[in-house]
Amino acid sequence: MNIKENEVYTFKLSSGEEVIGKVVGFDSDYVYMVEPLSVSPGPQGMGLMQTIFTSEEGAKVTLNIKNVTMITDTADAIKQKYIQTTTGIAVPSKKIVMG
């Protein structure tokens, strides 16, 4: 998979946890990201929660690629929720303007 910087990806870890984050860099051993969120089941379905509670806000997080079993592009609906959760900005759904 061709990972691009400043894009949001979903990582499935060997622990079974799914982590979504904005990739800010990578090399052969590590992926560097900001604002990682974990996918968590809740009463209303799947939700996003903070992955690391004690780091500084906006801190760069290092993920060892050896702990990753799968990497994929994040689905658009989840990516929009991720952006809303991390920035507070609600991404409008794509609509065609007719006029």
N, C-alpha and C. Protein backbone atom coordinates (compact mmCIF):
# COMPACT_ATOMS: atom_id res chain seq x y z
N MET A 1 0.84 -1.18 0.00
CA MET A 1 0.00 0.00 0.00
C MET A 1 0.89 1.24 0.00
N ASN A 2 0.50 2.21 -0.75
CA ASN A 2 1.25 3.46 -0.85
C ASN A 2 0.70 4.46 0.17
N ILE A 3 1.37 4.60 1.30
CA ILE A 3 0.93 5.52 2.35
C ILE A 3 1.39 6.92 1.99
N LYS A 4 0.47 7.89 2.14
CA LYS A 4 0.78 9.29 1.85
C LYS A 4 0.71 10.10 3.13
N GLU A 5 1.60 11.05 3.27
CA GLU A 5 1.58 11.93 4.43
C GLU A 5 0.34 12.82 4.39
N ASN A 6 -0.13 13.20 5.57
CA ASN A 6 -1.30 14.06 5.78
C ASN A 6 -2.61 13.45 5.31
N GLU A 7 -2.65 12.13 5.25
CA GLU A 7 -3.88 11.40 4.95
C GLU A 7 -4.25 10.56 6.17
N VAL A 8 -5.54 10.25 6.29
CA VAL A 8 -6.06 9.46 7.41
C VAL A 8 -6.14 7.99 6.99
N TYR A 9 -5.58 7.11 7.84
CA TYR A 9 -5.58 5.68 7.57
C TYR A 9 -6.09 4.91 8.79
N THR A 10 -6.55 3.69 8.53
CA THR A 10 -6.96 2.78 9.58
C THR A 10 -5.91 1.68 9.69
N PHE A 11 -5.47 1.43 10.93
CA PHE A 11 -4.47 0.40 11.21
C PHE A 11 -5.09 -0.66 12.11
N LYS A 12 -4.99 -1.91 11.71
CA LYS A 12 -5.42 -3.03 12.55
C LYS A 12 -4.16 -3.56 13.22
N LEU A 13 -4.13 -3.52 14.55
CA LEU A 13 -2.96 -3.93 15.30
C LEU A 13 -3.01 -5.41 15.61
N SER A 14 -1.86 -5.99 15.93
CA SER A 14 -1.81 -7.41 16.25
C SER A 14 -2.63 -7.73 17.51
N SER A 15 -2.92 -6.72 18.34
CA SER A 15 -3.76 -6.90 19.52
C SER A 15 -5.25 -7.01 19.16
N GLY A 16 -5.60 -6.69 17.91
CA GLY A 16 -6.99 -6.70 17.47
C GLY A 16 -7.61 -5.33 17.44
N GLU A 17 -6.95 -4.35 18.06
CA GLU A 17 -7.46 -2.98 18.11
C GLU A 17 -7.33 -2.30 16.75
N GLU A 18 -8.31 -1.46 16.42
CA GLU A 18 -8.23 -0.63 15.22
C GLU A 18 -7.92 0.80 15.64
N VAL A 19 -6.93 1.40 15.00
CA VAL A 19 -6.53 2.76 15.29
C VAL A 19 -6.62 3.57 14.01
N ILE A 20 -7.23 4.74 14.11
CA ILE A 20 -7.34 5.66 12.98
C ILE A 20 -6.48 6.87 13.31
N GLY A 21 -5.69 7.32 12.35
CA GLY A 21 -4.85 8.48 12.60
C GLY A 21 -4.41 9.16 11.32
N LYS A 22 -4.01 10.41 11.46
CA LYS A 22 -3.47 11.18 10.35
C LYS A 22 -1.97 10.95 10.31
N VAL A 23 -1.48 10.35 9.23
CA VAL A 23 -0.07 10.03 9.08
C VAL A 23 0.70 11.30 8.71
N VAL A 24 1.77 11.58 9.49
CA VAL A 24 2.60 12.75 9.22
C VAL A 24 4.00 12.35 8.78
N GLY A 25 4.29 11.05 8.75
CA GLY A 25 5.58 10.57 8.29
C GLY A 25 5.64 9.06 8.46
N PHE A 26 6.63 8.44 7.84
CA PHE A 26 6.81 6.99 7.97
C PHE A 26 8.17 6.61 7.44
N ASP A 27 8.66 5.47 7.89
CA ASP A 27 9.86 4.87 7.34
C ASP A 27 9.67 3.36 7.36
N SER A 28 10.71 2.59 7.18
CA SER A 28 10.54 1.14 7.08
C SER A 28 10.13 0.48 8.40
N ASP A 29 10.33 1.15 9.52
CA ASP A 29 10.02 0.56 10.82
C ASP A 29 8.85 1.20 11.55
N TYR A 30 8.56 2.47 11.26
CA TYR A 30 7.57 3.20 12.04
C TYR A 30 6.64 4.04 11.16
N VAL A 31 5.44 4.24 11.68
CA VAL A 31 4.50 5.19 11.11
C VAL A 31 4.33 6.27 12.18
N TYR A 32 4.43 7.53 11.77
CA TYR A 32 4.27 8.65 12.70
C TYR A 32 2.93 9.30 12.40
N MET A 33 2.13 9.49 13.45
CA MET A 33 0.80 10.05 13.24
C MET A 33 0.46 11.03 14.36
N VAL A 34 -0.58 11.80 14.12
CA VAL A 34 -1.13 12.69 15.14
C VAL A 34 -2.60 12.34 15.32
N GLU A 35 -3.11 12.66 16.51
CA GLU A 35 -4.53 12.45 16.84
C GLU A 35 -5.00 11.02 16.60
N PRO A 36 -4.29 10.01 17.12
CA PRO A 36 -4.78 8.64 16.93
C PRO A 36 -6.04 8.40 17.75
N LEU A 37 -7.02 7.76 17.14
CA LEU A 37 -8.27 7.41 17.82
C LEU A 37 -8.50 5.92 17.65
N SER A 38 -9.04 5.29 18.68
CA SER A 38 -9.37 3.87 18.63
C SER A 38 -10.85 3.71 18.31
N VAL A 39 -11.15 2.66 17.58
CA VAL A 39 -12.54 2.31 17.28
C VAL A 39 -13.05 1.49 18.45
N SER A 40 -14.20 1.89 18.98
CA SER A 40 -14.73 1.23 20.18
C SER A 40 -16.24 1.02 20.05
N PRO A 41 -16.73 -0.18 20.36
CA PRO A 41 -18.17 -0.40 20.32
C PRO A 41 -18.85 0.31 21.49
N GLY A 42 -20.02 0.86 21.22
CA GLY A 42 -20.78 1.55 22.25
C GLY A 42 -22.26 1.26 22.11
N PRO A 43 -23.09 1.86 22.96
CA PRO A 43 -24.53 1.60 22.92
C PRO A 43 -25.19 1.99 21.59
N GLN A 44 -24.66 3.02 20.93
CA GLN A 44 -25.23 3.47 19.66
C GLN A 44 -24.45 2.93 18.45
N GLY A 45 -23.59 1.96 18.67
CA GLY A 45 -22.79 1.41 17.58
C GLY A 45 -21.32 1.73 17.78
N MET A 46 -20.56 1.71 16.70
CA MET A 46 -19.13 1.95 16.77
C MET A 46 -18.87 3.44 17.01
N GLY A 47 -17.87 3.72 17.85
CA GLY A 47 -17.51 5.09 18.13
C GLY A 47 -16.00 5.25 18.13
N LEU A 48 -15.55 6.48 18.23
CA LEU A 48 -14.13 6.79 18.26
C LEU A 48 -13.78 7.34 19.63
N MET A 49 -12.67 6.84 20.18
CA MET A 49 -12.22 7.35 21.47
C MET A 49 -10.72 7.56 21.43
N GLN A 50 -10.24 8.40 22.34
CA GLN A 50 -8.83 8.70 22.40
C GLN A 50 -8.03 7.41 22.59
N THR A 51 -6.93 7.28 21.89
CA THR A 51 -6.07 6.11 22.04
C THR A 51 -5.09 6.29 23.18
N ILE A 52 -4.53 7.50 23.28
CA ILE A 52 -3.56 7.83 24.33
C ILE A 52 -4.12 9.01 25.12
N PHE A 53 -4.28 8.82 26.42
CA PHE A 53 -4.91 9.85 27.25
C PHE A 53 -3.94 10.83 27.89
N THR A 54 -2.66 10.48 28.01
CA THR A 54 -1.75 11.30 28.80
C THR A 54 -0.70 12.06 27.99
N SER A 55 -0.77 12.03 26.67
CA SER A 55 0.20 12.78 25.87
C SER A 55 -0.28 14.21 25.68
N GLU A 56 0.63 15.06 25.27
CA GLU A 56 0.28 16.44 24.96
C GLU A 56 -0.63 16.47 23.74
N GLU A 57 -1.56 17.41 23.71
CA GLU A 57 -2.46 17.54 22.57
C GLU A 57 -1.65 17.84 21.30
N GLY A 58 -1.93 17.11 20.24
CA GLY A 58 -1.24 17.29 18.97
C GLY A 58 0.12 16.65 18.89
N ALA A 59 0.50 15.88 19.91
CA ALA A 59 1.81 15.23 19.91
C ALA A 59 1.91 14.19 18.81
N LYS A 60 3.11 14.07 18.24
CA LYS A 60 3.36 13.05 17.22
C LYS A 60 3.53 11.71 17.92
N VAL A 61 2.81 10.69 17.43
CA VAL A 61 2.82 9.35 18.00
C VAL A 61 3.56 8.43 17.04
N THR A 62 4.35 7.53 17.61
CA THR A 62 5.11 6.58 16.81
C THR A 62 4.47 5.19 16.93
N LEU A 63 4.13 4.60 15.81
CA LEU A 63 3.54 3.26 15.77
C LEU A 63 4.55 2.32 15.11
N ASN A 64 4.94 1.28 15.82
CA ASN A 64 5.86 0.29 15.29
C ASN A 64 5.13 -0.54 14.24
N ILE A 65 5.62 -0.53 13.02
CA ILE A 65 4.96 -1.20 11.91
C ILE A 65 4.89 -2.72 12.14
N LYS A 66 5.77 -3.26 12.99
CA LYS A 66 5.75 -4.70 13.29
C LYS A 66 4.51 -5.11 14.08
N ASN A 67 3.84 -4.14 14.71
CA ASN A 67 2.62 -4.42 15.46
C ASN A 67 1.35 -4.24 14.62
N VAL A 68 1.52 -3.93 13.34
CA VAL A 68 0.39 -3.69 12.45
C VAL A 68 0.19 -4.91 11.56
N THR A 69 -1.07 -5.42 11.56
CA THR A 69 -1.36 -6.57 10.70
C THR A 69 -2.02 -6.14 9.39
N MET A 70 -2.74 -5.00 9.41
CA MET A 70 -3.41 -4.49 8.20
C MET A 70 -3.41 -2.97 8.21
N ILE A 71 -3.34 -2.40 7.01
CA ILE A 71 -3.47 -0.95 6.82
C ILE A 71 -4.44 -0.74 5.67
N THR A 72 -5.35 0.21 5.83
CA THR A 72 -6.30 0.49 4.75
C THR A 72 -6.68 1.97 4.77
N ASP A 73 -7.18 2.42 3.64
CA ASP A 73 -7.77 3.75 3.59
C ASP A 73 -8.99 3.73 4.50
N THR A 74 -9.25 4.82 5.18
CA THR A 74 -10.40 4.90 6.06
C THR A 74 -11.63 5.26 5.25
N ALA A 75 -12.74 4.58 5.50
CA ALA A 75 -14.00 4.86 4.80
C ALA A 75 -14.38 6.33 4.97
N ASP A 76 -14.96 6.92 3.93
CA ASP A 76 -15.28 8.36 3.94
C ASP A 76 -16.14 8.77 5.13
N ALA A 77 -17.16 8.00 5.47
CA ALA A 77 -18.03 8.36 6.59
C ALA A 77 -17.26 8.38 7.90
N ILE A 78 -16.35 7.42 8.08
CA ILE A 78 -15.54 7.35 9.30
C ILE A 78 -14.51 8.47 9.30
N LYS A 79 -13.94 8.74 8.13
CA LYS A 79 -12.96 9.82 8.02
C LYS A 79 -13.60 11.17 8.38
N GLN A 80 -14.83 11.39 7.94
CA GLN A 80 -15.54 12.63 8.29
C GLN A 80 -15.77 12.71 9.79
N LYS A 81 -16.12 11.59 10.42
CA LYS A 81 -16.32 11.56 11.87
C LYS A 81 -14.99 11.80 12.59
N TYR A 82 -13.90 11.24 12.06
CA TYR A 82 -12.57 11.47 12.62
C TYR A 82 -12.22 12.95 12.58
N ILE A 83 -12.44 13.59 11.44
CA ILE A 83 -12.14 15.02 11.30
C ILE A 83 -12.98 15.83 12.27
N GLN A 84 -14.26 15.49 12.38
CA GLN A 84 -15.14 16.20 13.30
C GLN A 84 -14.68 16.02 14.75
N THR A 85 -14.27 14.81 15.11
CA THR A 85 -13.84 14.52 16.47
C THR A 85 -12.53 15.22 16.80
N THR A 86 -11.58 15.26 15.87
CA THR A 86 -10.26 15.82 16.16
C THR A 86 -10.18 17.33 15.98
N THR A 87 -11.06 17.90 15.16
CA THR A 87 -10.97 19.34 14.90
C THR A 87 -12.20 20.12 15.34
N GLY A 88 -13.32 19.43 15.52
CA GLY A 88 -14.57 20.11 15.84
C GLY A 88 -15.28 20.64 14.61
N ILE A 89 -14.71 20.39 13.44
CA ILE A 89 -15.29 20.87 12.18
C ILE A 89 -16.14 19.75 11.58
N ALA A 90 -17.42 20.02 11.37
CA ALA A 90 -18.31 19.05 10.74
C ALA A 90 -18.16 19.15 9.24
N VAL A 91 -17.78 18.04 8.61
CA VAL A 91 -17.60 18.00 7.16
C VAL A 91 -18.97 17.78 6.53
N PRO A 92 -19.42 18.70 5.68
CA PRO A 92 -20.73 18.49 5.04
C PRO A 92 -20.67 17.31 4.08
N SER A 93 -21.80 16.63 3.95
CA SER A 93 -21.86 15.53 3.00
C SER A 93 -21.80 16.10 1.58
N LYS A 94 -21.29 15.29 0.67
CA LYS A 94 -21.14 15.73 -0.72
C LYS A 94 -22.51 15.76 -1.38
N LYS A 95 -22.85 16.91 -1.91
CA LYS A 95 -24.13 17.05 -2.61
C LYS A 95 -23.89 17.81 -3.89
N ILE A 96 -24.70 17.54 -4.88
CA ILE A 96 -24.61 18.25 -6.14
C ILE A 96 -25.55 19.45 -6.05
N VAL A 97 -24.99 20.61 -6.38
CA VAL A 97 -25.79 21.83 -6.35
C VAL A 97 -26.45 21.98 -7.71
N MET A 98 -27.76 22.05 -7.71
CA MET A 98 -28.51 22.21 -8.96
C MET A 98 -29.04 23.63 -8.98
N GLY A 99 -28.96 24.27 -10.09
CA GLY A 99 -29.46 25.63 -10.08
C GLY A 99 -29.88 26.14 -11.40
